[in-house]
Amino acid sequence: MGNCQKVLCLLLVLGCLISCSDDEKVVFANPIQIEAYFPLSDFLEENIEMLGSAEVRKVIRFNDETESVDFVMDSLTWRQEMVFFFQADINKAALAASYETEETQGLLIHRLKPGEKGDIKRIEVKKQSGKVVEIVILSVVNNLFYKSTVEGKITIEDKGIDSYTLSGDQKVWFLPGTKLQVEAEVI
């Protein structure tokens, strides 16, 4: 073994010993997650757990077609149905300074600051007697080939999520636009 290899092995061993010291005990549960804004994901998880299995009536409108379905949702199905809302959680380190927060009596608003980049433009949380009763989210994706605007709304009662709606428009370059609306209520 050459001198260069011996020195490299020694440096590697020293590096391992130094990095394994007891001084560094700070562990981050999720370094990309912050708590600067309304905790949307946690709130949804709590409400999904409160509901358990629930029967839901859903009406879907896609352009001129309408379909209505009734089904029972368990916690996994709720998470899949609420994917838009879960993805709208802005408590990410990359967005820590991207939103302005305005709070008045019964209303909390997180609005994307001018010049900041982000698909979630606004989150409104309405409260009555200190309890969340409605959440409205506006998402806009706009680039050279595609534009999508989606507004989602959840209403909450004592038993948890009472209803949710999603309405949106999508336009892909050179293709006709599409409109989608979903209205669902717990029955």
N, C-alpha and C. Protein backbone atom coordinates (compact mmCIF):
# COMPACT_ATOMS: atom_id res chain seq x y z
N MET A 1 0.85 -1.17 0.00
CA MET A 1 0.00 0.00 0.00
C MET A 1 0.89 1.23 0.00
N GLY A 2 0.66 2.14 -0.93
CA GLY A 2 1.48 3.34 -1.07
C GLY A 2 1.18 4.34 0.02
N ASN A 3 2.07 5.33 0.16
CA ASN A 3 1.90 6.36 1.17
C ASN A 3 0.60 7.14 0.97
N CYS A 4 0.28 7.42 -0.28
CA CYS A 4 -0.95 8.17 -0.58
C CYS A 4 -2.17 7.40 -0.10
N GLN A 5 -2.19 6.11 -0.34
CA GLN A 5 -3.33 5.29 0.06
C GLN A 5 -3.42 5.22 1.58
N LYS A 6 -2.27 5.13 2.27
CA LYS A 6 -2.28 5.09 3.73
C LYS A 6 -2.83 6.39 4.31
N VAL A 7 -2.44 7.51 3.72
CA VAL A 7 -2.91 8.81 4.20
C VAL A 7 -4.42 8.94 3.97
N LEU A 8 -4.88 8.50 2.80
CA LEU A 8 -6.32 8.56 2.51
C LEU A 8 -7.10 7.68 3.46
N CYS A 9 -6.61 6.47 3.75
CA CYS A 9 -7.29 5.58 4.70
C CYS A 9 -7.32 6.21 6.09
N LEU A 10 -6.23 6.81 6.52
CA LEU A 10 -6.16 7.46 7.82
C LEU A 10 -7.16 8.62 7.91
N LEU A 11 -7.23 9.43 6.83
CA LEU A 11 -8.18 10.55 6.80
C LEU A 11 -9.62 10.05 6.84
N LEU A 12 -9.89 8.97 6.14
CA LEU A 12 -11.23 8.39 6.12
C LEU A 12 -11.63 7.90 7.52
N VAL A 13 -10.73 7.21 8.20
CA VAL A 13 -10.99 6.71 9.55
C VAL A 13 -11.20 7.88 10.51
N LEU A 14 -10.35 8.91 10.42
CA LEU A 14 -10.49 10.09 11.28
C LEU A 14 -11.82 10.80 11.02
N GLY A 15 -12.17 10.92 9.74
CA GLY A 15 -13.44 11.55 9.38
C GLY A 15 -14.62 10.81 9.98
N CYS A 16 -14.58 9.47 9.94
CA CYS A 16 -15.65 8.67 10.54
C CYS A 16 -15.72 8.86 12.05
N LEU A 17 -14.57 8.87 12.71
CA LEU A 17 -14.54 9.05 14.16
C LEU A 17 -15.07 10.42 14.56
N ILE A 18 -14.69 11.44 13.83
CA ILE A 18 -15.15 12.80 14.15
C ILE A 18 -16.64 12.94 13.91
N SER A 19 -17.15 12.37 12.80
CA SER A 19 -18.57 12.51 12.48
C SER A 19 -19.45 11.71 13.41
N CYS A 20 -18.90 10.74 14.11
CA CYS A 20 -19.68 9.93 15.03
C CYS A 20 -19.63 10.42 16.47
N SER A 21 -19.17 11.62 16.70
CA SER A 21 -19.05 12.13 18.07
C SER A 21 -20.44 12.33 18.69
N ASP A 22 -20.48 12.33 20.01
CA ASP A 22 -21.74 12.49 20.74
C ASP A 22 -22.23 13.92 20.77
N ASP A 23 -21.40 14.87 20.32
CA ASP A 23 -21.79 16.28 20.37
C ASP A 23 -22.95 16.60 19.44
N GLU A 24 -23.08 15.87 18.35
CA GLU A 24 -24.11 16.17 17.36
C GLU A 24 -25.32 15.28 17.59
N LYS A 25 -26.21 15.71 18.44
CA LYS A 25 -27.41 14.94 18.74
C LYS A 25 -28.66 15.64 18.24
N VAL A 26 -28.52 16.67 17.44
CA VAL A 26 -29.66 17.39 16.90
C VAL A 26 -30.18 16.61 15.70
N VAL A 27 -31.41 16.13 15.83
CA VAL A 27 -32.03 15.36 14.76
C VAL A 27 -33.29 16.09 14.33
N PHE A 28 -33.46 16.28 13.06
CA PHE A 28 -34.65 16.92 12.52
C PHE A 28 -35.61 15.83 12.07
N ALA A 29 -36.85 15.92 12.51
CA ALA A 29 -37.85 14.94 12.11
C ALA A 29 -38.11 15.04 10.61
N ASN A 30 -38.23 16.24 10.11
CA ASN A 30 -38.45 16.47 8.68
C ASN A 30 -37.90 17.86 8.36
N PRO A 31 -36.65 17.95 7.89
CA PRO A 31 -36.03 19.25 7.70
C PRO A 31 -36.67 20.10 6.61
N ILE A 32 -37.51 19.51 5.75
CA ILE A 32 -38.15 20.33 4.72
C ILE A 32 -39.52 20.82 5.16
N GLN A 33 -40.03 20.34 6.30
CA GLN A 33 -41.33 20.73 6.80
C GLN A 33 -41.16 21.82 7.86
N ILE A 34 -41.97 22.88 7.79
CA ILE A 34 -41.93 23.96 8.76
C ILE A 34 -43.31 24.13 9.38
N GLU A 35 -43.44 25.03 10.30
CA GLU A 35 -44.73 25.31 10.93
C GLU A 35 -45.02 26.80 10.89
N ALA A 36 -44.86 27.42 9.74
CA ALA A 36 -45.07 28.86 9.62
C ALA A 36 -46.51 29.22 9.26
N TYR A 37 -47.24 28.29 8.66
CA TYR A 37 -48.57 28.58 8.17
C TYR A 37 -49.58 27.61 8.78
N PHE A 38 -50.83 27.75 8.38
CA PHE A 38 -51.87 26.85 8.88
C PHE A 38 -51.46 25.40 8.60
N PRO A 39 -51.53 24.52 9.60
CA PRO A 39 -51.07 23.12 9.44
C PRO A 39 -52.11 22.28 8.70
N LEU A 40 -52.23 22.48 7.41
CA LEU A 40 -53.28 21.87 6.61
C LEU A 40 -53.24 20.34 6.64
N SER A 41 -52.08 19.75 6.42
CA SER A 41 -51.99 18.28 6.40
C SER A 41 -52.39 17.67 7.73
N ASP A 42 -51.90 18.24 8.82
CA ASP A 42 -52.25 17.73 10.15
C ASP A 42 -53.74 17.87 10.41
N PHE A 43 -54.30 19.01 10.01
CA PHE A 43 -55.73 19.25 10.19
C PHE A 43 -56.55 18.21 9.43
N LEU A 44 -56.16 17.94 8.17
CA LEU A 44 -56.87 16.95 7.38
C LEU A 44 -56.78 15.56 8.00
N GLU A 45 -55.59 15.19 8.45
CA GLU A 45 -55.39 13.88 9.09
C GLU A 45 -56.31 13.72 10.30
N GLU A 46 -56.39 14.75 11.14
CA GLU A 46 -57.25 14.70 12.32
C GLU A 46 -58.71 14.51 11.93
N ASN A 47 -59.15 15.23 10.91
CA ASN A 47 -60.55 15.15 10.48
C ASN A 47 -60.86 13.82 9.82
N ILE A 48 -59.92 13.27 9.08
CA ILE A 48 -60.12 11.96 8.47
C ILE A 48 -60.26 10.90 9.55
N GLU A 49 -59.44 10.99 10.59
CA GLU A 49 -59.52 10.03 11.69
C GLU A 49 -60.85 10.15 12.43
N MET A 50 -61.36 11.38 12.59
CA MET A 50 -62.65 11.59 13.25
C MET A 50 -63.79 10.94 12.46
N LEU A 51 -63.72 11.01 11.14
CA LEU A 51 -64.79 10.48 10.30
C LEU A 51 -64.80 8.96 10.26
N GLY A 52 -63.62 8.35 10.26
CA GLY A 52 -63.57 6.91 10.09
C GLY A 52 -64.15 6.54 8.74
N SER A 53 -65.06 5.58 8.72
CA SER A 53 -65.76 5.22 7.48
C SER A 53 -67.01 6.09 7.37
N ALA A 54 -67.17 6.72 6.25
CA ALA A 54 -68.32 7.60 6.06
C ALA A 54 -68.86 7.43 4.64
N GLU A 55 -70.18 7.53 4.54
CA GLU A 55 -70.81 7.45 3.22
C GLU A 55 -70.80 8.84 2.59
N VAL A 56 -70.42 8.88 1.33
CA VAL A 56 -70.27 10.14 0.62
C VAL A 56 -71.06 10.09 -0.68
N ARG A 57 -71.73 11.17 -0.97
CA ARG A 57 -72.42 11.34 -2.26
C ARG A 57 -71.60 12.35 -3.05
N LYS A 58 -71.17 11.94 -4.26
CA LYS A 58 -70.30 12.79 -5.06
C LYS A 58 -70.90 12.98 -6.45
N VAL A 59 -70.91 14.23 -6.89
CA VAL A 59 -71.36 14.58 -8.24
C VAL A 59 -70.15 15.14 -8.98
N ILE A 60 -69.88 14.55 -10.15
CA ILE A 60 -68.73 14.96 -10.96
C ILE A 60 -69.24 15.50 -12.29
N ARG A 61 -68.80 16.70 -12.61
CA ARG A 61 -69.15 17.30 -13.91
C ARG A 61 -67.85 17.52 -14.68
N PHE A 62 -67.79 16.90 -15.85
CA PHE A 62 -66.63 17.06 -16.72
C PHE A 62 -67.14 17.60 -18.04
N ASN A 63 -66.86 18.90 -18.31
CA ASN A 63 -67.44 19.62 -19.45
C ASN A 63 -68.95 19.50 -19.40
N ASP A 64 -69.58 18.80 -20.32
CA ASP A 64 -71.05 18.71 -20.36
C ASP A 64 -71.58 17.41 -19.77
N GLU A 65 -70.72 16.55 -19.27
CA GLU A 65 -71.15 15.26 -18.73
C GLU A 65 -71.22 15.32 -17.21
N THR A 66 -72.23 14.63 -16.65
CA THR A 66 -72.41 14.59 -15.21
C THR A 66 -72.56 13.15 -14.75
N GLU A 67 -71.92 12.83 -13.63
CA GLU A 67 -72.02 11.50 -13.04
C GLU A 67 -72.19 11.67 -11.54
N SER A 68 -73.04 10.82 -10.96
CA SER A 68 -73.27 10.87 -9.53
C SER A 68 -72.99 9.48 -8.94
N VAL A 69 -72.26 9.45 -7.81
CA VAL A 69 -71.95 8.17 -7.16
C VAL A 69 -72.07 8.33 -5.65
N ASP A 70 -72.48 7.24 -5.01
CA ASP A 70 -72.48 7.14 -3.55
C ASP A 70 -71.51 6.03 -3.19
N PHE A 71 -70.68 6.26 -2.20
CA PHE A 71 -69.74 5.23 -1.78
C PHE A 71 -69.29 5.48 -0.35
N VAL A 72 -68.73 4.44 0.26
CA VAL A 72 -68.23 4.54 1.63
C VAL A 72 -66.72 4.73 1.55
N MET A 73 -66.24 5.75 2.27
CA MET A 73 -64.81 6.05 2.25
C MET A 73 -64.20 5.68 3.60
N ASP A 74 -63.11 4.90 3.54
CA ASP A 74 -62.32 4.64 4.74
C ASP A 74 -61.19 5.66 4.76
N SER A 75 -60.29 5.57 5.73
CA SER A 75 -59.24 6.59 5.86
C SER A 75 -58.32 6.64 4.64
N LEU A 76 -58.03 5.50 4.01
CA LEU A 76 -57.19 5.50 2.82
C LEU A 76 -57.88 6.20 1.66
N THR A 77 -59.16 5.91 1.47
CA THR A 77 -59.92 6.55 0.39
C THR A 77 -60.03 8.05 0.63
N TRP A 78 -60.21 8.45 1.90
CA TRP A 78 -60.27 9.88 2.22
C TRP A 78 -58.96 10.56 1.81
N ARG A 79 -57.84 9.93 2.12
CA ARG A 79 -56.53 10.52 1.77
C ARG A 79 -56.40 10.67 0.26
N GLN A 80 -56.88 9.69 -0.48
CA GLN A 80 -56.83 9.77 -1.94
C GLN A 80 -57.75 10.86 -2.47
N GLU A 81 -58.93 10.98 -1.89
CA GLU A 81 -59.89 12.01 -2.31
C GLU A 81 -59.38 13.42 -1.99
N MET A 82 -58.63 13.55 -0.92
CA MET A 82 -58.16 14.85 -0.46
C MET A 82 -56.77 15.20 -0.97
N VAL A 83 -56.27 14.50 -2.00
CA VAL A 83 -54.90 14.70 -2.45
C VAL A 83 -54.63 16.16 -2.85
N PHE A 84 -55.58 16.82 -3.48
CA PHE A 84 -55.39 18.24 -3.84
C PHE A 84 -55.12 19.07 -2.59
N PHE A 85 -55.89 18.82 -1.54
CA PHE A 85 -55.76 19.59 -0.31
C PHE A 85 -54.45 19.27 0.42
N PHE A 86 -54.08 17.99 0.46
CA PHE A 86 -52.81 17.62 1.08
C PHE A 86 -51.64 18.28 0.34
N GLN A 87 -51.70 18.26 -0.99
CA GLN A 87 -50.61 18.84 -1.78
C GLN A 87 -50.57 20.36 -1.68
N ALA A 88 -51.66 20.97 -1.22
CA ALA A 88 -51.72 22.43 -1.09
C ALA A 88 -51.09 22.92 0.21
N ASP A 89 -50.62 22.01 1.06
CA ASP A 89 -49.98 22.42 2.32
C ASP A 89 -48.71 23.20 1.99
N ILE A 90 -48.63 24.44 2.42
CA ILE A 90 -47.49 25.32 2.09
C ILE A 90 -46.43 25.34 3.19
N ASN A 91 -46.54 24.46 4.17
CA ASN A 91 -45.54 24.39 5.24
C ASN A 91 -44.31 23.61 4.79
N LYS A 92 -43.60 24.19 3.85
CA LYS A 92 -42.37 23.61 3.33
C LYS A 92 -41.26 24.65 3.47
N ALA A 93 -40.06 24.21 3.77
CA ALA A 93 -38.95 25.14 3.99
C ALA A 93 -38.74 26.05 2.79
N ALA A 94 -38.93 25.52 1.58
CA ALA A 94 -38.72 26.33 0.37
C ALA A 94 -39.72 27.48 0.27
N LEU A 95 -40.85 27.38 0.97
CA LEU A 95 -41.89 28.42 0.90
C LEU A 95 -41.96 29.26 2.18
N ALA A 96 -40.97 29.14 3.04
CA ALA A 96 -41.02 29.77 4.37
C ALA A 96 -41.29 31.27 4.34
N ALA A 97 -40.79 31.97 3.33
CA ALA A 97 -40.99 33.42 3.26
C ALA A 97 -41.80 33.83 2.04
N SER A 98 -42.54 32.89 1.45
CA SER A 98 -43.23 33.16 0.19
C SER A 98 -44.65 33.71 0.35
N TYR A 99 -45.19 33.63 1.55
CA TYR A 99 -46.59 34.01 1.74
C TYR A 99 -46.75 35.12 2.77
N GLU A 100 -47.72 36.00 2.51
CA GLU A 100 -48.14 37.02 3.47
C GLU A 100 -49.30 36.41 4.26
N THR A 101 -49.32 36.69 5.53
CA THR A 101 -50.40 36.18 6.36
C THR A 101 -51.20 37.35 6.91
N GLU A 102 -52.50 37.25 6.76
CA GLU A 102 -53.41 38.27 7.26
C GLU A 102 -54.44 37.56 8.15
N GLU A 103 -54.62 38.08 9.34
CA GLU A 103 -55.56 37.44 10.25
C GLU A 103 -56.49 38.49 10.82
N THR A 104 -57.77 38.24 10.65
CA THR A 104 -58.80 39.11 11.21
C THR A 104 -59.73 38.23 12.03
N GLN A 105 -60.75 38.81 12.59
CA GLN A 105 -61.70 38.06 13.38
C GLN A 105 -62.34 36.97 12.53
N GLY A 106 -62.00 35.72 12.81
CA GLY A 106 -62.64 34.60 12.13
C GLY A 106 -62.07 34.25 10.76
N LEU A 107 -60.99 34.90 10.33
CA LEU A 107 -60.45 34.60 9.00
C LEU A 107 -58.93 34.69 9.00
N LEU A 108 -58.30 33.63 8.51
CA LEU A 108 -56.85 33.57 8.35
C LEU A 108 -56.58 33.39 6.85
N ILE A 109 -55.75 34.27 6.28
CA ILE A 109 -55.45 34.20 4.85
C ILE A 109 -53.94 34.15 4.66
N HIS A 110 -53.50 33.17 3.90
CA HIS A 110 -52.11 33.10 3.43
C HIS A 110 -52.16 33.37 1.94
N ARG A 111 -51.47 34.43 1.50
CA ARG A 111 -51.49 34.84 0.10
C ARG A 111 -50.06 34.87 -0.42
N LEU A 112 -49.84 34.31 -1.61
CA LEU A 112 -48.52 34.31 -2.22
C LEU A 112 -48.08 35.74 -2.46
N LYS A 113 -46.87 36.07 -2.01
CA LYS A 113 -46.35 37.42 -2.18
C LYS A 113 -46.08 37.71 -3.65
N PRO A 114 -46.24 38.97 -4.06
CA PRO A 114 -45.91 39.33 -5.45
C PRO A 114 -44.46 38.99 -5.76
N GLY A 115 -44.24 38.40 -6.91
CA GLY A 115 -42.90 38.04 -7.35
C GLY A 115 -42.43 36.67 -6.88
N GLU A 116 -43.16 36.06 -5.94
CA GLU A 116 -42.79 34.72 -5.46
C GLU A 116 -43.39 33.66 -6.39
N LYS A 117 -42.71 32.54 -6.47
CA LYS A 117 -43.19 31.44 -7.31
C LYS A 117 -43.86 30.39 -6.45
N GLY A 118 -45.02 29.94 -6.92
CA GLY A 118 -45.76 28.90 -6.22
C GLY A 118 -47.10 28.70 -6.87
N ASP A 119 -47.57 27.46 -6.90
CA ASP A 119 -48.86 27.16 -7.51
C ASP A 119 -50.02 27.54 -6.60
N ILE A 120 -49.83 27.45 -5.30
CA ILE A 120 -50.89 27.80 -4.36
C ILE A 120 -50.87 29.31 -4.18
N LYS A 121 -51.89 29.96 -4.68
CA LYS A 121 -51.94 31.43 -4.65
C LYS A 121 -52.55 31.97 -3.36
N ARG A 122 -53.52 31.18 -2.79
CA ARG A 122 -54.19 31.69 -1.59
C ARG A 122 -54.80 30.52 -0.81
N ILE A 123 -54.72 30.62 0.50
CA ILE A 123 -55.41 29.70 1.40
C ILE A 123 -56.19 30.56 2.39
N GLU A 124 -57.48 30.30 2.49
CA GLU A 124 -58.33 31.02 3.45
C GLU A 124 -58.89 30.00 4.44
N VAL A 125 -58.74 30.30 5.71
CA VAL A 125 -59.27 29.44 6.77
C VAL A 125 -60.27 30.27 7.57
N LYS A 126 -61.55 29.85 7.50
CA LYS A 126 -62.60 30.57 8.24
C LYS A 126 -62.89 29.83 9.53
N LYS A 127 -63.04 30.62 10.60
CA LYS A 127 -63.30 30.05 11.93
C LYS A 127 -64.54 30.68 12.54
N GLN A 128 -65.25 29.88 13.33
CA GLN A 128 -66.37 30.36 14.14
C GLN A 128 -66.17 29.82 15.54
N SER A 129 -66.22 30.68 16.52
CA SER A 129 -66.00 30.29 17.92
C SER A 129 -64.68 29.53 18.09
N GLY A 130 -63.66 29.93 17.33
CA GLY A 130 -62.34 29.33 17.44
C GLY A 130 -62.15 28.03 16.69
N LYS A 131 -63.21 27.51 16.05
CA LYS A 131 -63.12 26.25 15.32
C LYS A 131 -63.11 26.52 13.82
N VAL A 132 -62.32 25.75 13.09
CA VAL A 132 -62.26 25.87 11.64
C VAL A 132 -63.57 25.34 11.06
N VAL A 133 -64.23 26.15 10.21
CA VAL A 133 -65.48 25.74 9.59
C VAL A 133 -65.38 25.66 8.07
N GLU A 134 -64.34 26.28 7.49
CA GLU A 134 -64.20 26.25 6.04
C GLU A 134 -62.76 26.56 5.64
N ILE A 135 -62.29 25.86 4.64
CA ILE A 135 -60.97 26.11 4.07
C ILE A 135 -61.15 26.24 2.56
N VAL A 136 -60.62 27.33 2.00
CA VAL A 136 -60.70 27.56 0.56
C VAL A 136 -59.28 27.72 0.04
N ILE A 137 -58.97 27.01 -1.04
CA ILE A 137 -57.62 27.03 -1.61
C ILE A 137 -57.72 27.35 -3.09
N LEU A 138 -56.88 28.28 -3.54
CA LEU A 138 -56.79 28.61 -4.96
C LEU A 138 -55.42 28.22 -5.47
N SER A 139 -55.41 27.40 -6.52
CA SER A 139 -54.17 26.97 -7.15
C SER A 139 -54.20 27.39 -8.62
N VAL A 140 -53.10 27.97 -9.08
CA VAL A 140 -52.98 28.37 -10.48
C VAL A 140 -51.63 27.91 -11.01
N VAL A 141 -51.66 27.12 -12.05
CA VAL A 141 -50.44 26.68 -12.74
C VAL A 141 -50.51 27.29 -14.13
N ASN A 142 -49.48 28.04 -14.48
CA ASN A 142 -49.50 28.73 -15.77
C ASN A 142 -48.10 28.71 -16.37
N ASN A 143 -47.98 28.06 -17.51
CA ASN A 143 -46.70 28.09 -18.22
C ASN A 143 -46.98 28.23 -19.71
N LEU A 144 -45.98 28.08 -20.52
CA LEU A 144 -46.09 28.31 -21.96
C LEU A 144 -47.10 27.38 -22.63
N PHE A 145 -47.23 26.14 -22.13
CA PHE A 145 -48.06 25.15 -22.80
C PHE A 145 -49.34 24.79 -22.06
N TYR A 146 -49.47 25.23 -20.83
CA TYR A 146 -50.54 24.71 -19.99
C TYR A 146 -51.00 25.76 -18.99
N LYS A 147 -52.31 25.83 -18.76
CA LYS A 147 -52.85 26.69 -17.71
C LYS A 147 -53.94 25.91 -16.99
N SER A 148 -53.86 25.94 -15.67
CA SER A 148 -54.84 25.24 -14.85
C SER A 148 -55.18 26.12 -13.64
N THR A 149 -56.45 26.28 -13.40
CA THR A 149 -56.91 27.00 -12.23
C THR A 149 -57.86 26.07 -11.47
N VAL A 150 -57.58 25.85 -10.20
CA VAL A 150 -58.42 24.97 -9.39
C VAL A 150 -58.71 25.68 -8.07
N GLU A 151 -59.98 25.67 -7.69
CA GLU A 151 -60.37 26.17 -6.38
C GLU A 151 -60.98 25.00 -5.62
N GLY A 152 -60.47 24.76 -4.44
CA GLY A 152 -60.99 23.70 -3.59
C GLY A 152 -61.55 24.29 -2.31
N LYS A 153 -62.63 23.69 -1.83
CA LYS A 153 -63.25 24.17 -0.60
C LYS A 153 -63.69 22.98 0.24
N ILE A 154 -63.39 23.05 1.52
CA ILE A 154 -63.82 22.04 2.48
C ILE A 154 -64.66 22.74 3.54
N THR A 155 -65.82 22.17 3.87
CA THR A 155 -66.59 22.67 4.99
C THR A 155 -66.52 21.62 6.11
N ILE A 156 -66.42 22.12 7.33
CA ILE A 156 -66.20 21.26 8.48
C ILE A 156 -67.30 21.51 9.51
N GLU A 157 -67.83 20.43 10.06
CA GLU A 157 -68.77 20.52 11.18
C GLU A 157 -68.16 19.80 12.36
N ASP A 158 -68.90 19.67 13.43
CA ASP A 158 -68.37 19.04 14.65
C ASP A 158 -67.86 17.62 14.42
N LYS A 159 -68.51 16.89 13.53
CA LYS A 159 -68.11 15.50 13.29
C LYS A 159 -66.92 15.39 12.34
N GLY A 160 -66.47 16.50 11.80
CA GLY A 160 -65.34 16.50 10.85
C GLY A 160 -65.76 17.08 9.52
N ILE A 161 -65.13 16.62 8.46
CA ILE A 161 -65.41 17.12 7.12
C ILE A 161 -66.87 16.84 6.77
N ASP A 162 -67.59 17.88 6.36
CA ASP A 162 -69.00 17.76 5.99
C ASP A 162 -69.16 17.68 4.48
N SER A 163 -68.36 18.49 3.76
CA SER A 163 -68.44 18.48 2.29
C SER A 163 -67.16 19.06 1.73
N TYR A 164 -66.95 18.81 0.46
CA TYR A 164 -65.81 19.41 -0.24
C TYR A 164 -66.17 19.58 -1.71
N THR A 165 -65.60 20.61 -2.30
CA THR A 165 -65.80 20.87 -3.72
C THR A 165 -64.46 21.18 -4.36
N LEU A 166 -64.37 20.84 -5.62
CA LEU A 166 -63.23 21.22 -6.46
C LEU A 166 -63.82 21.71 -7.77
N SER A 167 -63.37 22.85 -8.21
CA SER A 167 -63.80 23.32 -9.53
C SER A 167 -62.58 23.89 -10.24
N GLY A 168 -62.48 23.55 -11.51
CA GLY A 168 -61.29 24.00 -12.21
C GLY A 168 -61.46 24.05 -13.71
N ASP A 169 -60.57 24.80 -14.30
CA ASP A 169 -60.46 24.92 -15.75
C ASP A 169 -59.04 24.55 -16.14
N GLN A 170 -58.91 23.80 -17.22
CA GLN A 170 -57.59 23.46 -17.74
C GLN A 170 -57.55 23.75 -19.22
N LYS A 171 -56.44 24.27 -19.65
CA LYS A 171 -56.26 24.58 -21.07
C LYS A 171 -54.84 24.20 -21.47
N VAL A 172 -54.77 23.24 -22.39
CA VAL A 172 -53.49 22.84 -22.95
C VAL A 172 -53.38 23.49 -24.31
N TRP A 173 -52.21 23.99 -24.60
CA TRP A 173 -51.96 24.66 -25.87
C TRP A 173 -52.46 23.82 -27.03
N PHE A 174 -53.18 24.38 -27.96
CA PHE A 174 -53.74 23.75 -29.16
C PHE A 174 -54.89 22.79 -28.89
N LEU A 175 -55.33 22.63 -27.67
CA LEU A 175 -56.46 21.74 -27.38
C LEU A 175 -57.58 22.57 -26.75
N PRO A 176 -58.82 22.11 -26.92
CA PRO A 176 -59.92 22.86 -26.28
C PRO A 176 -59.81 22.76 -24.76
N GLY A 177 -60.32 23.76 -24.08
CA GLY A 177 -60.28 23.78 -22.62
C GLY A 177 -61.24 22.77 -22.02
N THR A 178 -60.97 22.39 -20.79
CA THR A 178 -61.86 21.47 -20.08
C THR A 178 -62.25 22.10 -18.75
N LYS A 179 -63.46 21.76 -18.32
CA LYS A 179 -63.97 22.21 -17.04
C LYS A 179 -64.31 20.99 -16.20
N LEU A 180 -63.91 21.04 -14.94
CA LEU A 180 -64.17 19.94 -14.03
C LEU A 180 -64.74 20.51 -12.74
N GLN A 181 -65.79 19.86 -12.24
CA GLN A 181 -66.34 20.26 -10.97
C GLN A 181 -66.72 18.99 -10.19
N VAL A 182 -66.30 18.96 -8.94
CA VAL A 182 -66.62 17.85 -8.04
C VAL A 182 -67.30 18.45 -6.82
N GLU A 183 -68.47 17.91 -6.49
CA GLU A 183 -69.18 18.31 -5.28
C GLU A 183 -69.45 17.04 -4.50
N ALA A 184 -68.98 16.99 -3.26
CA ALA A 184 -69.16 15.80 -2.44
C ALA A 184 -69.63 16.20 -1.06
N GLU A 185 -70.53 15.39 -0.49
CA GLU A 185 -71.00 15.64 0.86
C GLU A 185 -71.10 14.33 1.62
N VAL A 186 -70.80 14.40 2.91
CA VAL A 186 -70.94 13.25 3.78
C VAL A 186 -72.42 13.12 4.11
N ILE A 187 -72.97 11.91 3.89
CA ILE A 187 -74.42 11.69 4.15
C ILE A 187 -74.64 10.72 5.29
